[in-house]
Amino acid sequence: MTASTHVFDPAATALSAIENASRIAVDRDGLKTLIATGEGHSSHLRALYGDVDLHTLLRLAAAFGVDNPTLARSYAAARRTAGAANAELNEFAAQFHL
């Protein structure tokens, strides 16, 4: 009997959340833009920042080379423009005075 190894893919988790919330497609490059800038389609931003937990977003940001202050700014932008809401991210962003 062999053991299977499951590798957690934060991008797959985020893409799944977005696909469940929007009929507009997004790919990994689009996901990188969303996480790095907080700009993009409103439904994508609300799903990414509202449905994906902070731990996964931190792992995703790290995978894309996005530092924590940039992630916090991106969330703050998505909160302002798209109505993204996440209590954990509010606390996270507050660390950076956002």
PDB file of N, CA and C in Angstrom:
ATOM      1  N   MET A   1       0.840  -1.162   0.000  1.00  0.00           N
ATOM      2  CA  MET A   1       0.000   0.000   0.000  1.00  0.00           C
ATOM      3  C   MET A   1       0.897   1.240   0.000  1.00  0.00           C
ATOM      4  N   THR A   2       0.615   2.176  -0.870  1.00  0.00           N
ATOM      5  CA  THR A   2       1.399   3.401  -0.936  1.00  0.00           C
ATOM      6  C   THR A   2       0.591   4.565  -0.392  1.00  0.00           C
ATOM      7  N   ALA A   3       1.284   5.452   0.243  1.00  0.00           N
ATOM      8  CA  ALA A   3       0.630   6.645   0.785  1.00  0.00           C
ATOM      9  C   ALA A   3       0.611   7.723  -0.289  1.00  0.00           C
ATOM     10  N   SER A   4      -0.500   8.410  -0.381  1.00  0.00           N
ATOM     11  CA  SER A   4      -0.559   9.509  -1.336  1.00  0.00           C
ATOM     12  C   SER A   4      -0.163  10.799  -0.628  1.00  0.00           C
ATOM     13  N   THR A   5       0.463  11.652  -1.388  1.00  0.00           N
ATOM     14  CA  THR A   5       0.894  12.932  -0.853  1.00  0.00           C
ATOM     15  C   THR A   5       0.043  14.008  -1.491  1.00  0.00           C
ATOM     16  N   HIS A   6      -0.564  14.824  -0.641  1.00  0.00           N
ATOM     17  CA  HIS A   6      -1.390  15.924  -1.122  1.00  0.00           C
ATOM     18  C   HIS A   6      -0.635  17.222  -0.890  1.00  0.00           C
ATOM     19  N   VAL A   7      -0.412  17.961  -1.954  1.00  0.00           N
ATOM     20  CA  VAL A   7       0.268  19.238  -1.858  1.00  0.00           C
ATOM     21  C   VAL A   7      -0.779  20.335  -1.939  1.00  0.00           C
ATOM     22  N   PHE A   8      -0.803  21.193  -0.930  1.00  0.00           N
ATOM     23  CA  PHE A   8      -1.754  22.290  -0.892  1.00  0.00           C
ATOM     24  C   PHE A   8      -1.351  23.352  -1.905  1.00  0.00           C
ATOM     25  N   ASP A   9      -2.284  23.734  -2.755  1.00  0.00           N
ATOM     26  CA  ASP A   9      -2.042  24.756  -3.771  1.00  0.00           C
ATOM     27  C   ASP A   9      -2.945  25.946  -3.475  1.00  0.00           C
ATOM     28  N   PRO A  10      -2.401  27.027  -2.874  1.00  0.00           N
ATOM     29  CA  PRO A  10      -3.242  28.165  -2.540  1.00  0.00           C
ATOM     30  C   PRO A  10      -3.863  28.827  -3.770  1.00  0.00           C
ATOM     31  N   ALA A  11      -3.188  28.769  -4.913  1.00  0.00           N
ATOM     32  CA  ALA A  11      -3.754  29.361  -6.126  1.00  0.00           C
ATOM     33  C   ALA A  11      -4.994  28.587  -6.569  1.00  0.00           C
ATOM     34  N   ALA A  12      -4.949  27.271  -6.479  1.00  0.00           N
ATOM     35  CA  ALA A  12      -6.111  26.467  -6.854  1.00  0.00           C
ATOM     36  C   ALA A  12      -7.292  26.765  -5.938  1.00  0.00           C
ATOM     37  N   THR A  13      -7.023  26.946  -4.651  1.00  0.00           N
ATOM     38  CA  THR A  13      -8.071  27.282  -3.695  1.00  0.00           C
ATOM     39  C   THR A  13      -8.703  28.626  -4.045  1.00  0.00           C
ATOM     40  N   ALA A  14      -7.868  29.620  -4.316  1.00  0.00           N
ATOM     41  CA  ALA A  14      -8.366  30.956  -4.653  1.00  0.00           C
ATOM     42  C   ALA A  14      -9.126  30.947  -5.978  1.00  0.00           C
ATOM     43  N   LEU A  15      -8.586  30.263  -6.978  1.00  0.00           N
ATOM     44  CA  LEU A  15      -9.271  30.195  -8.278  1.00  0.00           C
ATOM     45  C   LEU A  15     -10.621  29.504  -8.143  1.00  0.00           C
ATOM     46  N   SER A  16     -10.698  28.478  -7.330  1.00  0.00           N
ATOM     47  CA  SER A  16     -11.958  27.784  -7.107  1.00  0.00           C
ATOM     48  C   SER A  16     -12.987  28.713  -6.467  1.00  0.00           C
ATOM     49  N   ALA A  17     -12.572  29.482  -5.466  1.00  0.00           N
ATOM     50  CA  ALA A  17     -13.481  30.424  -4.814  1.00  0.00           C
ATOM     51  C   ALA A  17     -14.007  31.447  -5.811  1.00  0.00           C
ATOM     52  N   ILE A  18     -13.129  31.946  -6.662  1.00  0.00           N
ATOM     53  CA  ILE A  18     -13.529  32.944  -7.653  1.00  0.00           C
ATOM     54  C   ILE A  18     -14.466  32.321  -8.680  1.00  0.00           C
ATOM     55  N   GLU A  19     -14.134  31.128  -9.154  1.00  0.00           N
ATOM     56  CA  GLU A  19     -14.978  30.451 -10.145  1.00  0.00           C
ATOM     57  C   GLU A  19     -16.363  30.154  -9.596  1.00  0.00           C
ATOM     58  N   ASN A  20     -16.467  29.889  -8.293  1.00  0.00           N
ATOM     59  CA  ASN A  20     -17.766  29.636  -7.669  1.00  0.00           C
ATOM     60  C   ASN A  20     -18.606  30.900  -7.569  1.00  0.00           C
ATOM     61  N   ALA A  21     -17.971  32.064  -7.611  1.00  0.00           N
ATOM     62  CA  ALA A  21     -18.677  33.328  -7.418  1.00  0.00           C
ATOM     63  C   ALA A  21     -18.903  34.115  -8.701  1.00  0.00           C
ATOM     64  N   SER A  22     -18.236  33.747  -9.776  1.00  0.00           N
ATOM     65  CA  SER A  22     -18.288  34.560 -10.984  1.00  0.00           C
ATOM     66  C   SER A  22     -18.284  33.692 -12.235  1.00  0.00           C
ATOM     67  N   ARG A  23     -19.002  34.155 -13.229  1.00  0.00           N
ATOM     68  CA  ARG A  23     -18.983  33.472 -14.527  1.00  0.00           C
ATOM     69  C   ARG A  23     -17.852  33.971 -15.408  1.00  0.00           C
ATOM     70  N   ILE A  24     -17.188  35.019 -14.960  1.00  0.00           N
ATOM     71  CA  ILE A  24     -16.076  35.599 -15.705  1.00  0.00           C
ATOM     72  C   ILE A  24     -14.801  34.854 -15.314  1.00  0.00           C
ATOM     73  N   ALA A  25     -14.132  34.308 -16.292  1.00  0.00           N
ATOM     74  CA  ALA A  25     -12.948  33.483 -16.043  1.00  0.00           C
ATOM     75  C   ALA A  25     -11.778  34.313 -15.522  1.00  0.00           C
ATOM     76  N   VAL A  26     -10.938  33.662 -14.745  1.00  0.00           N
ATOM     77  CA  VAL A  26      -9.685  34.250 -14.278  1.00  0.00           C
ATOM     78  C   VAL A  26      -8.631  33.152 -14.303  1.00  0.00           C
ATOM     79  N   ASP A  27      -7.398  33.535 -14.607  1.00  0.00           N
ATOM     80  CA  ASP A  27      -6.308  32.562 -14.621  1.00  0.00           C
ATOM     81  C   ASP A  27      -5.274  32.972 -13.571  1.00  0.00           C
ATOM     82  N   ARG A  28      -4.179  32.243 -13.500  1.00  0.00           N
ATOM     83  CA  ARG A  28      -3.161  32.524 -12.479  1.00  0.00           C
ATOM     84  C   ARG A  28      -2.559  33.918 -12.649  1.00  0.00           C
ATOM     85  N   ASP A  29      -2.368  34.376 -13.883  1.00  0.00           N
ATOM     86  CA  ASP A  29      -1.836  35.722 -14.083  1.00  0.00           C
ATOM     87  C   ASP A  29      -2.817  36.771 -13.559  1.00  0.00           C
ATOM     88  N   GLY A  30      -4.105  36.553 -13.828  1.00  0.00           N
ATOM     89  CA  GLY A  30      -5.129  37.455 -13.311  1.00  0.00           C
ATOM     90  C   GLY A  30      -5.186  37.415 -11.802  1.00  0.00           C
ATOM     91  N   LEU A  31      -5.006  36.234 -11.251  1.00  0.00           N
ATOM     92  CA  LEU A  31      -4.999  36.068  -9.795  1.00  0.00           C
ATOM     93  C   LEU A  31      -3.831  36.847  -9.177  1.00  0.00           C
ATOM     94  N   LYS A  32      -2.688  36.792  -9.828  1.00  0.00           N
ATOM     95  CA  LYS A  32      -1.526  37.536  -9.332  1.00  0.00           C
ATOM     96  C   LYS A  32      -1.824  39.033  -9.312  1.00  0.00           C
ATOM     97  N   THR A  33      -2.483  39.538 -10.338  1.00  0.00           N
ATOM     98  CA  THR A  33      -2.850  40.956 -10.382  1.00  0.00           C
ATOM     99  C   THR A  33      -3.808  41.305  -9.250  1.00  0.00           C
ATOM    100  N   LEU A  34      -4.797  40.439  -9.021  1.00  0.00           N
ATOM    101  CA  LEU A  34      -5.762  40.682  -7.945  1.00  0.00           C
ATOM    102  C   LEU A  34      -5.061  40.774  -6.593  1.00  0.00           C
ATOM    103  N   ILE A  35      -4.149  39.861  -6.335  1.00  0.00           N
ATOM    104  CA  ILE A  35      -3.494  39.797  -5.029  1.00  0.00           C
ATOM    105  C   ILE A  35      -2.448  40.903  -4.872  1.00  0.00           C
ATOM    106  N   ALA A  36      -1.852  41.337  -5.969  1.00  0.00           N
ATOM    107  CA  ALA A  36      -0.787  42.337  -5.900  1.00  0.00           C
ATOM    108  C   ALA A  36      -1.301  43.772  -5.924  1.00  0.00           C
ATOM    109  N   THR A  37      -2.500  43.975  -6.497  1.00  0.00           N
ATOM    110  CA  THR A  37      -2.974  45.350  -6.675  1.00  0.00           C
ATOM    111  C   THR A  37      -4.331  45.630  -6.042  1.00  0.00           C
ATOM    112  N   GLY A  38      -5.144  44.599  -5.852  1.00  0.00           N
ATOM    113  CA  GLY A  38      -6.505  44.828  -5.382  1.00  0.00           C
ATOM    114  C   GLY A  38      -7.393  45.396  -6.468  1.00  0.00           C
ATOM    115  N   GLU A  39      -6.960  45.262  -7.705  1.00  0.00           N
ATOM    116  CA  GLU A  39      -7.716  45.753  -8.853  1.00  0.00           C
ATOM    117  C   GLU A  39      -8.153  44.578  -9.711  1.00  0.00           C
ATOM    118  N   GLY A  40      -9.353  44.689 -10.238  1.00  0.00           N
ATOM    119  CA  GLY A  40      -9.884  43.644 -11.101  1.00  0.00           C
ATOM    120  C   GLY A  40     -11.392  43.638 -11.032  1.00  0.00           C
ATOM    121  N   HIS A  41     -11.986  42.588 -11.555  1.00  0.00           N
ATOM    122  CA  HIS A  41     -13.437  42.471 -11.555  1.00  0.00           C
ATOM    123  C   HIS A  41     -13.944  42.388 -10.121  1.00  0.00           C
ATOM    124  N   SER A  42     -14.983  43.132  -9.820  1.00  0.00           N
ATOM    125  CA  SER A  42     -15.508  43.215  -8.446  1.00  0.00           C
ATOM    126  C   SER A  42     -15.857  41.859  -7.860  1.00  0.00           C
ATOM    127  N   SER A  43     -16.490  40.995  -8.649  1.00  0.00           N
ATOM    128  CA  SER A  43     -16.868  39.683  -8.107  1.00  0.00           C
ATOM    129  C   SER A  43     -15.640  38.842  -7.785  1.00  0.00           C
ATOM    130  N   HIS A  44     -14.579  39.005  -8.561  1.00  0.00           N
ATOM    131  CA  HIS A  44     -13.339  38.284  -8.291  1.00  0.00           C
ATOM    132  C   HIS A  44     -12.725  38.768  -6.982  1.00  0.00           C
ATOM    133  N   LEU A  45     -12.692  40.084  -6.794  1.00  0.00           N
ATOM    134  CA  LEU A  45     -12.111  40.653  -5.582  1.00  0.00           C
ATOM    135  C   LEU A  45     -12.904  40.262  -4.342  1.00  0.00           C
ATOM    136  N   ARG A  46     -14.229  40.325  -4.432  1.00  0.00           N
ATOM    137  CA  ARG A  46     -15.049  39.950  -3.277  1.00  0.00           C
ATOM    138  C   ARG A  46     -14.861  38.479  -2.919  1.00  0.00           C
ATOM    139  N   ALA A  47     -14.784  37.610  -3.919  1.00  0.00           N
ATOM    140  CA  ALA A  47     -14.579  36.183  -3.657  1.00  0.00           C
ATOM    141  C   ALA A  47     -13.185  35.928  -3.093  1.00  0.00           C
ATOM    142  N   LEU A  48     -12.179  36.529  -3.697  1.00  0.00           N
ATOM    143  CA  LEU A  48     -10.804  36.309  -3.236  1.00  0.00           C
ATOM    144  C   LEU A  48     -10.631  36.760  -1.799  1.00  0.00           C
ATOM    145  N   TYR A  49     -11.039  37.971  -1.505  1.00  0.00           N
ATOM    146  CA  TYR A  49     -10.806  38.519  -0.176  1.00  0.00           C
ATOM    147  C   TYR A  49     -11.901  38.181   0.827  1.00  0.00           C
ATOM    148  N   GLY A  50     -13.044  37.752   0.360  1.00  0.00           N
ATOM    149  CA  GLY A  50     -14.138  37.413   1.265  1.00  0.00           C
ATOM    150  C   GLY A  50     -14.257  35.935   1.579  1.00  0.00           C
ATOM    151  N   ASP A  51     -13.876  35.077   0.626  1.00  0.00           N
ATOM    152  CA  ASP A  51     -14.091  33.642   0.781  1.00  0.00           C
ATOM    153  C   ASP A  51     -12.816  32.835   1.048  1.00  0.00           C
ATOM    154  N   VAL A  52     -11.669  33.431   0.804  1.00  0.00           N
ATOM    155  CA  VAL A  52     -10.398  32.724   1.002  1.00  0.00           C
ATOM    156  C   VAL A  52      -9.808  33.194   2.334  1.00  0.00           C
ATOM    157  N   ASP A  53      -9.434  32.235   3.184  1.00  0.00           N
ATOM    158  CA  ASP A  53      -8.957  32.609   4.517  1.00  0.00           C
ATOM    159  C   ASP A  53      -7.583  33.276   4.456  1.00  0.00           C
ATOM    160  N   LEU A  54      -7.279  34.004   5.510  1.00  0.00           N
ATOM    161  CA  LEU A  54      -6.045  34.786   5.575  1.00  0.00           C
ATOM    162  C   LEU A  54      -4.802  33.920   5.384  1.00  0.00           C
ATOM    163  N   HIS A  55      -4.753  32.758   6.027  1.00  0.00           N
ATOM    164  CA  HIS A  55      -3.581  31.887   5.905  1.00  0.00           C
ATOM    165  C   HIS A  55      -3.324  31.523   4.435  1.00  0.00           C
ATOM    166  N   THR A  56      -4.378  31.190   3.712  1.00  0.00           N
ATOM    167  CA  THR A  56      -4.237  30.837   2.295  1.00  0.00           C
ATOM    168  C   THR A  56      -3.803  32.049   1.485  1.00  0.00           C
ATOM    169  N   LEU A  57      -4.373  33.218   1.777  1.00  0.00           N
ATOM    170  CA  LEU A  57      -3.977  34.434   1.065  1.00  0.00           C
ATOM    171  C   LEU A  57      -2.506  34.769   1.318  1.00  0.00           C
ATOM    172  N   LEU A  58      -2.037  34.571   2.540  1.00  0.00           N
ATOM    173  CA  LEU A  58      -0.627  34.820   2.838  1.00  0.00           C
ATOM    174  C   LEU A  58       0.284  33.875   2.060  1.00  0.00           C
ATOM    175  N   ARG A  59      -0.106  32.623   1.982  1.00  0.00           N
ATOM    176  CA  ARG A  59       0.684  31.642   1.208  1.00  0.00           C
ATOM    177  C   ARG A  59       0.658  31.982  -0.276  1.00  0.00           C
ATOM    178  N   LEU A  60      -0.511  32.389  -0.765  1.00  0.00           N
ATOM    179  CA  LEU A  60      -0.641  32.766  -2.171  1.00  0.00           C
ATOM    180  C   LEU A  60       0.216  33.988  -2.479  1.00  0.00           C
ATOM    181  N   ALA A  61       0.138  34.986  -1.624  1.00  0.00           N
ATOM    182  CA  ALA A  61       0.940  36.194  -1.824  1.00  0.00           C
ATOM    183  C   ALA A  61       2.428  35.846  -1.851  1.00  0.00           C
ATOM    184  N   ALA A  62       2.867  35.024  -0.926  1.00  0.00           N
ATOM    185  CA  ALA A  62       4.274  34.629  -0.889  1.00  0.00           C
ATOM    186  C   ALA A  62       4.669  33.898  -2.168  1.00  0.00           C
ATOM    187  N   ALA A  63       3.799  33.045  -2.655  1.00  0.00           N
ATOM    188  CA  ALA A  63       4.088  32.309  -3.896  1.00  0.00           C
ATOM    189  C   ALA A  63       4.245  33.242  -5.090  1.00  0.00           C
ATOM    190  N   PHE A  64       3.529  34.360  -5.061  1.00  0.00           N
ATOM    191  CA  PHE A  64       3.598  35.338  -6.145  1.00  0.00           C
ATOM    192  C   PHE A  64       4.619  36.444  -5.872  1.00  0.00           C
ATOM    193  N   GLY A  65       5.341  36.348  -4.753  1.00  0.00           N
ATOM    194  CA  GLY A  65       6.340  37.355  -4.431  1.00  0.00           C
ATOM    195  C   GLY A  65       5.749  38.667  -3.946  1.00  0.00           C
ATOM    196  N   VAL A  66       4.551  38.607  -3.380  1.00  0.00           N
ATOM    197  CA  VAL A  66       3.874  39.798  -2.863  1.00  0.00           C
ATOM    198  C   VAL A  66       4.084  39.844  -1.351  1.00  0.00           C
ATOM    199  N   ASP A  67       4.652  40.942  -0.851  1.00  0.00           N
ATOM    200  CA  ASP A  67       4.914  41.045   0.583  1.00  0.00           C
ATOM    201  C   ASP A  67       3.643  41.416   1.353  1.00  0.00           C
ATOM    202  N   ASN A  68       3.699  41.287   2.672  1.00  0.00           N
ATOM    203  CA  ASN A  68       2.520  41.528   3.512  1.00  0.00           C
ATOM    204  C   ASN A  68       1.975  42.948   3.408  1.00  0.00           C
ATOM    205  N   PRO A  69       2.819  43.999   3.411  1.00  0.00           N
ATOM    206  CA  PRO A  69       2.257  45.343   3.265  1.00  0.00           C
ATOM    207  C   PRO A  69       1.522  45.538   1.933  1.00  0.00           C
ATOM    208  N   THR A  70       2.041  44.939   0.876  1.00  0.00           N
ATOM    209  CA  THR A  70       1.373  45.046  -0.429  1.00  0.00           C
ATOM    210  C   THR A  70       0.053  44.300  -0.412  1.00  0.00           C
ATOM    211  N   LEU A  71       0.030  43.123   0.197  1.00  0.00           N
ATOM    212  CA  LEU A  71      -1.227  42.375   0.323  1.00  0.00           C
ATOM    213  C   LEU A  71      -2.245  43.204   1.100  1.00  0.00           C
ATOM    214  N   ALA A  72      -1.823  43.821   2.181  1.00  0.00           N
ATOM    215  CA  ALA A  72      -2.734  44.648   2.975  1.00  0.00           C
ATOM    216  C   ALA A  72      -3.267  45.813   2.160  1.00  0.00           C
ATOM    217  N   ARG A  73      -2.407  46.470   1.394  1.00  0.00           N
ATOM    218  CA  ARG A  73      -2.856  47.579   0.528  1.00  0.00           C
ATOM    219  C   ARG A  73      -3.815  47.084  -0.534  1.00  0.00           C
ATOM    220  N   SER A  74      -3.549  45.913  -1.084  1.00  0.00           N
ATOM    221  CA  SER A  74      -4.430  45.339  -2.107  1.00  0.00           C
ATOM    222  C   SER A  74      -5.808  45.056  -1.530  1.00  0.00           C
ATOM    223  N   TYR A  75      -5.836  44.490  -0.331  1.00  0.00           N
ATOM    224  CA  TYR A  75      -7.124  44.242   0.315  1.00  0.00           C
ATOM    225  C   TYR A  75      -7.850  45.554   0.587  1.00  0.00           C
ATOM    226  N   ALA A  76      -7.131  46.547   1.078  1.00  0.00           N
ATOM    227  CA  ALA A  76      -7.757  47.844   1.363  1.00  0.00           C
ATOM    228  C   ALA A  76      -8.351  48.445   0.089  1.00  0.00           C
ATOM    229  N   ALA A  77      -7.654  48.311  -1.027  1.00  0.00           N
ATOM    230  CA  ALA A  77      -8.172  48.816  -2.304  1.00  0.00           C
ATOM    231  C   ALA A  77      -9.422  48.046  -2.703  1.00  0.00           C
ATOM    232  N   ALA A  78      -9.395  46.722  -2.561  1.00  0.00           N
ATOM    233  CA  ALA A  78     -10.556  45.892  -2.908  1.00  0.00           C
ATOM    234  C   ALA A  78     -11.741  46.194  -1.989  1.00  0.00           C
ATOM    235  N   ARG A  79     -11.455  46.486  -0.747  1.00  0.00           N
ATOM    236  CA  ARG A  79     -12.505  46.841   0.211  1.00  0.00           C
ATOM    237  C   ARG A  79     -13.183  48.146  -0.225  1.00  0.00           C
ATOM    238  N   ARG A  80     -12.378  49.140  -0.653  1.00  0.00           N
ATOM    239  CA  ARG A  80     -12.925  50.427  -1.086  1.00  0.00           C
ATOM    240  C   ARG A  80     -13.691  50.324  -2.394  1.00  0.00           C
ATOM    241  N   THR A  81     -13.127  49.640  -3.379  1.00  0.00           N
ATOM    242  CA  THR A  81     -13.705  49.673  -4.727  1.00  0.00           C
ATOM    243  C   THR A  81     -14.718  48.577  -5.004  1.00  0.00           C
ATOM    244  N   ALA A  82     -14.567  47.420  -4.342  1.00  0.00           N
ATOM    245  CA  ALA A  82     -15.429  46.281  -4.670  1.00  0.00           C
ATOM    246  C   ALA A  82     -16.292  45.829  -3.503  1.00  0.00           C
ATOM    247  N   GLY A  83     -16.114  46.434  -2.352  1.00  0.00           N
ATOM    248  CA  GLY A  83     -16.885  46.019  -1.188  1.00  0.00           C
ATOM    249  C   GLY A  83     -16.433  44.696  -0.602  1.00  0.00           C
ATOM    250  N   ALA A  84     -15.167  44.332  -0.824  1.00  0.00           N
ATOM    251  CA  ALA A  84     -14.633  43.100  -0.239  1.00  0.00           C
ATOM    252  C   ALA A  84     -14.659  43.241   1.274  1.00  0.00           C
ATOM    253  N   ALA A  85     -15.013  42.164   1.954  1.00  0.00           N
ATOM    254  CA  ALA A  85     -15.104  42.231   3.417  1.00  0.00           C
ATOM    255  C   ALA A  85     -14.608  40.938   4.043  1.00  0.00           C
ATOM    256  N   ASN A  86     -13.719  41.082   5.031  1.00  0.00           N
ATOM    257  CA  ASN A  86     -13.174  39.936   5.725  1.00  0.00           C
ATOM    258  C   ASN A  86     -12.616  40.425   7.058  1.00  0.00           C
ATOM    259  N   ALA A  87     -13.182  39.962   8.157  1.00  0.00           N
ATOM    260  CA  ALA A  87     -12.766  40.420   9.485  1.00  0.00           C
ATOM    261  C   ALA A  87     -11.290  40.143   9.747  1.00  0.00           C
ATOM    262  N   GLU A  88     -10.806  38.957   9.351  1.00  0.00           N
ATOM    263  CA  GLU A  88      -9.384  38.632   9.552  1.00  0.00           C
ATOM    264  C   GLU A  88      -8.490  39.599   8.783  1.00  0.00           C
ATOM    265  N   LEU A  89      -8.892  39.896   7.554  1.00  0.00           N
ATOM    266  CA  LEU A  89      -8.093  40.812   6.740  1.00  0.00           C
ATOM    267  C   LEU A  89      -8.182  42.240   7.250  1.00  0.00           C
ATOM    268  N   ASN A  90      -9.306  42.606   7.840  1.00  0.00           N
ATOM    269  CA  ASN A  90      -9.397  43.939   8.449  1.00  0.00           C
ATOM    270  C   ASN A  90      -8.349  44.079   9.544  1.00  0.00           C
ATOM    271  N   GLU A  91      -8.217  43.054  10.380  1.00  0.00           N
ATOM    272  CA  GLU A  91      -7.205  43.075  11.445  1.00  0.00           C
ATOM    273  C   GLU A  91      -5.798  43.071  10.862  1.00  0.00           C
ATOM    274  N   PHE A  92      -5.587  42.266   9.836  1.00  0.00           N
ATOM    275  CA  PHE A  92      -4.290  42.193   9.173  1.00  0.00           C
ATOM    276  C   PHE A  92      -3.919  43.561   8.591  1.00  0.00           C
ATOM    277  N   ALA A  93      -4.850  44.181   7.874  1.00  0.00           N
ATOM    278  CA  ALA A  93      -4.589  45.486   7.252  1.00  0.00           C
ATOM    279  C   ALA A  93      -4.355  46.569   8.303  1.00  0.00           C
ATOM    280  N   ALA A  94      -5.020  46.447   9.428  1.00  0.00           N
ATOM    281  CA  ALA A  94      -4.865  47.448  10.499  1.00  0.00           C
ATOM    282  C   ALA A  94      -3.423  47.479  11.016  1.00  0.00           C
ATOM    283  N   GLN A  95      -2.718  46.371  10.928  1.00  0.00           N
ATOM    284  CA  GLN A  95      -1.313  46.330  11.342  1.00  0.00           C
ATOM    285  C   GLN A  95      -0.469  47.291  10.512  1.00  0.00           C
ATOM    286  N   PHE A  96      -0.951  47.569   9.298  1.00  0.00           N
ATOM    287  CA  PHE A  96      -0.239  48.450   8.374  1.00  0.00           C
ATOM    288  C   PHE A  96      -0.929  49.813   8.270  1.00  0.00           C
ATOM    289  N   HIS A  97      -1.816  50.079   9.247  1.00  0.00           N
ATOM    290  CA  HIS A  97      -2.545  51.341   9.334  1.00  0.00           C
ATOM    291  C   HIS A  97      -3.419  51.587   8.114  1.00  0.00           C
ATOM    292  N   LEU A  98      -4.054  50.518   7.632  1.00  0.00           N
ATOM    293  CA  LEU A  98      -4.969  50.603   6.485  1.00  0.00           C
ATOM    294  C   LEU A  98      -6.378  50.267   6.905  1.00  0.00           C
TER     295      LEU A  98
END
